[in-house]
């Protein structure tokens, strides 16, 4: 999805989400597990990101579902939209 979000003004920061990374069709998928191990991730923040949700959802297709998840950042915790494995959600 880089070709979509590269056009958006915003910031990136390191974060942690809980779960595991599986592969489906040679693509990594996050299986979100609230009590799972830590997975290093990157959080993209932008006030204009909501304008792109439909385009991103369409690009990600049926293998992924955008879900609100709890993340840990250097300055605390937050809730963020995250694309997770659509068929393997165990939350």
C-alpha atoms as a PDB file:
ATOM      1  CA  UNK A   1       0.000   0.000   0.000  1.00  0.00           C
ATOM      2  CA  UNK A   2       3.057   2.268  -0.091  1.00  0.00           C
ATOM      3  CA  UNK A   3       1.948   3.834  -3.385  1.00  0.00           C
ATOM      4  CA  UNK A   4      -1.239   4.996  -1.612  1.00  0.00           C
ATOM      5  CA  UNK A   5       0.123   6.265   1.685  1.00  0.00           C
ATOM      6  CA  UNK A   6       3.302   7.812   0.233  1.00  0.00           C
ATOM      7  CA  UNK A   7       1.084  10.657  -1.007  1.00  0.00           C
ATOM      8  CA  UNK A   8      -0.210  11.427   2.497  1.00  0.00           C
ATOM      9  CA  UNK A   9       1.475  13.935   4.817  1.00  0.00           C
ATOM     10  CA  UNK A  10       2.088  12.279   8.172  1.00  0.00           C
ATOM     11  CA  UNK A  11       4.573  10.842  10.626  1.00  0.00           C
ATOM     12  CA  UNK A  12       5.914   7.364  11.368  1.00  0.00           C
ATOM     13  CA  UNK A  13       6.879   5.975  14.754  1.00  0.00           C
ATOM     14  CA  UNK A  14       7.840   2.617  16.181  1.00  0.00           C
ATOM     15  CA  UNK A  15       5.182   0.719  18.093  1.00  0.00           C
ATOM     16  CA  UNK A  16       4.316  -2.721  19.410  1.00  0.00           C
ATOM     17  CA  UNK A  17       1.144  -4.698  18.707  1.00  0.00           C
ATOM     18  CA  UNK A  18       0.341  -8.066  20.234  1.00  0.00           C
ATOM     19  CA  UNK A  19      -0.160 -11.121  18.074  1.00  0.00           C
ATOM     20  CA  UNK A  20       1.785 -13.158  15.573  1.00  0.00           C
ATOM     21  CA  UNK A  21       2.706 -12.829  11.916  1.00  0.00           C
ATOM     22  CA  UNK A  22       1.592 -15.633   9.598  1.00  0.00           C
ATOM     23  CA  UNK A  23       2.020 -15.919   5.839  1.00  0.00           C
ATOM     24  CA  UNK A  24      -0.801 -16.413   3.366  1.00  0.00           C
ATOM     25  CA  UNK A  25      -0.071 -16.430  -0.362  1.00  0.00           C
ATOM     26  CA  UNK A  26       3.495 -15.346   0.518  1.00  0.00           C
ATOM     27  CA  UNK A  27       2.187 -12.179   2.189  1.00  0.00           C
ATOM     28  CA  UNK A  28       2.646 -11.465   5.899  1.00  0.00           C
ATOM     29  CA  UNK A  29      -0.550 -11.178   7.925  1.00  0.00           C
ATOM     30  CA  UNK A  30      -0.876 -10.042  11.501  1.00  0.00           C
ATOM     31  CA  UNK A  31      -3.068 -12.325  13.586  1.00  0.00           C
ATOM     32  CA  UNK A  32      -4.073 -10.005  16.393  1.00  0.00           C
ATOM     33  CA  UNK A  33      -3.952 -11.654  19.812  1.00  0.00           C
ATOM     34  CA  UNK A  34      -4.554  -9.281  22.743  1.00  0.00           C
ATOM     35  CA  UNK A  35      -2.544 -11.573  25.042  1.00  0.00           C
ATOM     36  CA  UNK A  36      -0.040 -12.656  22.388  1.00  0.00           C
ATOM     37  CA  UNK A  37       3.650 -11.909  21.998  1.00  0.00           C
ATOM     38  CA  UNK A  38       4.963  -8.496  20.989  1.00  0.00           C
ATOM     39  CA  UNK A  39       5.237  -7.739  17.273  1.00  0.00           C
ATOM     40  CA  UNK A  40       7.288  -4.708  16.214  1.00  0.00           C
ATOM     41  CA  UNK A  41       5.369  -2.415  13.879  1.00  0.00           C
ATOM     42  CA  UNK A  42       5.304   1.092  12.458  1.00  0.00           C
ATOM     43  CA  UNK A  43       2.472   3.504  13.244  1.00  0.00           C
ATOM     44  CA  UNK A  44       1.556   6.043  10.578  1.00  0.00           C
ATOM     45  CA  UNK A  45      -0.337   9.087  11.847  1.00  0.00           C
ATOM     46  CA  UNK A  46      -2.045  11.705   9.694  1.00  0.00           C
ATOM     47  CA  UNK A  47      -5.100  13.918  10.079  1.00  0.00           C
ATOM     48  CA  UNK A  48      -6.001  13.163   6.438  1.00  0.00           C
ATOM     49  CA  UNK A  49      -5.666   9.367   6.701  1.00  0.00           C
ATOM     50  CA  UNK A  50      -9.458   8.856   7.132  1.00  0.00           C
ATOM     51  CA  UNK A  51      -9.897  10.251   3.609  1.00  0.00           C
ATOM     52  CA  UNK A  52      -7.961   7.211   2.317  1.00  0.00           C
ATOM     53  CA  UNK A  53      -9.611   4.380   4.298  1.00  0.00           C
ATOM     54  CA  UNK A  54     -11.875   3.249   1.445  1.00  0.00           C
ATOM     55  CA  UNK A  55      -8.975   3.153  -1.016  1.00  0.00           C
ATOM     56  CA  UNK A  56      -6.749   1.291   1.471  1.00  0.00           C
ATOM     57  CA  UNK A  57      -9.499  -1.181   2.364  1.00  0.00           C
ATOM     58  CA  UNK A  58     -10.047  -1.939  -1.315  1.00  0.00           C
ATOM     59  CA  UNK A  59      -6.329  -2.362  -1.912  1.00  0.00           C
ATOM     60  CA  UNK A  60      -5.910  -4.747   1.049  1.00  0.00           C
ATOM     61  CA  UNK A  61      -8.752  -6.916  -0.232  1.00  0.00           C
ATOM     62  CA  UNK A  62     -10.410  -9.891   1.392  1.00  0.00           C
ATOM     63  CA  UNK A  63      -7.305 -11.268   3.127  1.00  0.00           C
ATOM     64  CA  UNK A  64      -7.161  -8.341   5.540  1.00  0.00           C
ATOM     65  CA  UNK A  65      -9.612  -6.520   7.771  1.00  0.00           C
ATOM     66  CA  UNK A  66      -9.022  -3.081   9.265  1.00  0.00           C
ATOM     67  CA  UNK A  67      -9.529  -3.446  13.000  1.00  0.00           C
ATOM     68  CA  UNK A  68      -9.013  -1.212  16.021  1.00  0.00           C
ATOM     69  CA  UNK A  69      -6.213  -2.637  18.171  1.00  0.00           C
ATOM     70  CA  UNK A  70      -4.324  -1.590  21.260  1.00  0.00           C
ATOM     71  CA  UNK A  71      -0.715  -0.597  20.564  1.00  0.00           C
ATOM     72  CA  UNK A  72       2.206   0.428  22.739  1.00  0.00           C
ATOM     73  CA  UNK A  73       4.284   3.477  21.816  1.00  0.00           C
ATOM     74  CA  UNK A  74       7.263   5.108  23.490  1.00  0.00           C
ATOM     75  CA  UNK A  75       4.953   7.579  25.235  1.00  0.00           C
ATOM     76  CA  UNK A  76       2.208   5.155  26.276  1.00  0.00           C
ATOM     77  CA  UNK A  77      -0.595   3.136  24.758  1.00  0.00           C
ATOM     78  CA  UNK A  78      -3.082   4.024  22.036  1.00  0.00           C
ATOM     79  CA  UNK A  79      -5.793   2.544  19.872  1.00  0.00           C
ATOM     80  CA  UNK A  80      -4.981   2.372  16.184  1.00  0.00           C
ATOM     81  CA  UNK A  81      -6.435   1.042  12.959  1.00  0.00           C
ATOM     82  CA  UNK A  82      -4.483  -2.018  11.901  1.00  0.00           C
ATOM     83  CA  UNK A  83      -4.880  -4.418   8.991  1.00  0.00           C
ATOM     84  CA  UNK A  84      -5.112  -7.918  10.448  1.00  0.00           C
ATOM     85  CA  UNK A  85      -5.730 -11.352   8.971  1.00  0.00           C
ATOM     86  CA  UNK A  86      -9.428 -11.360   8.037  1.00  0.00           C
ATOM     87  CA  UNK A  87     -10.096 -15.069   8.400  1.00  0.00           C
ATOM     88  CA  UNK A  88      -7.832 -15.848  11.329  1.00  0.00           C
ATOM     89  CA  UNK A  89      -8.997 -13.316  13.902  1.00  0.00           C
ATOM     90  CA  UNK A  90      -8.764 -14.933  17.312  1.00  0.00           C
ATOM     91  CA  UNK A  91      -9.558 -11.914  19.462  1.00  0.00           C
END
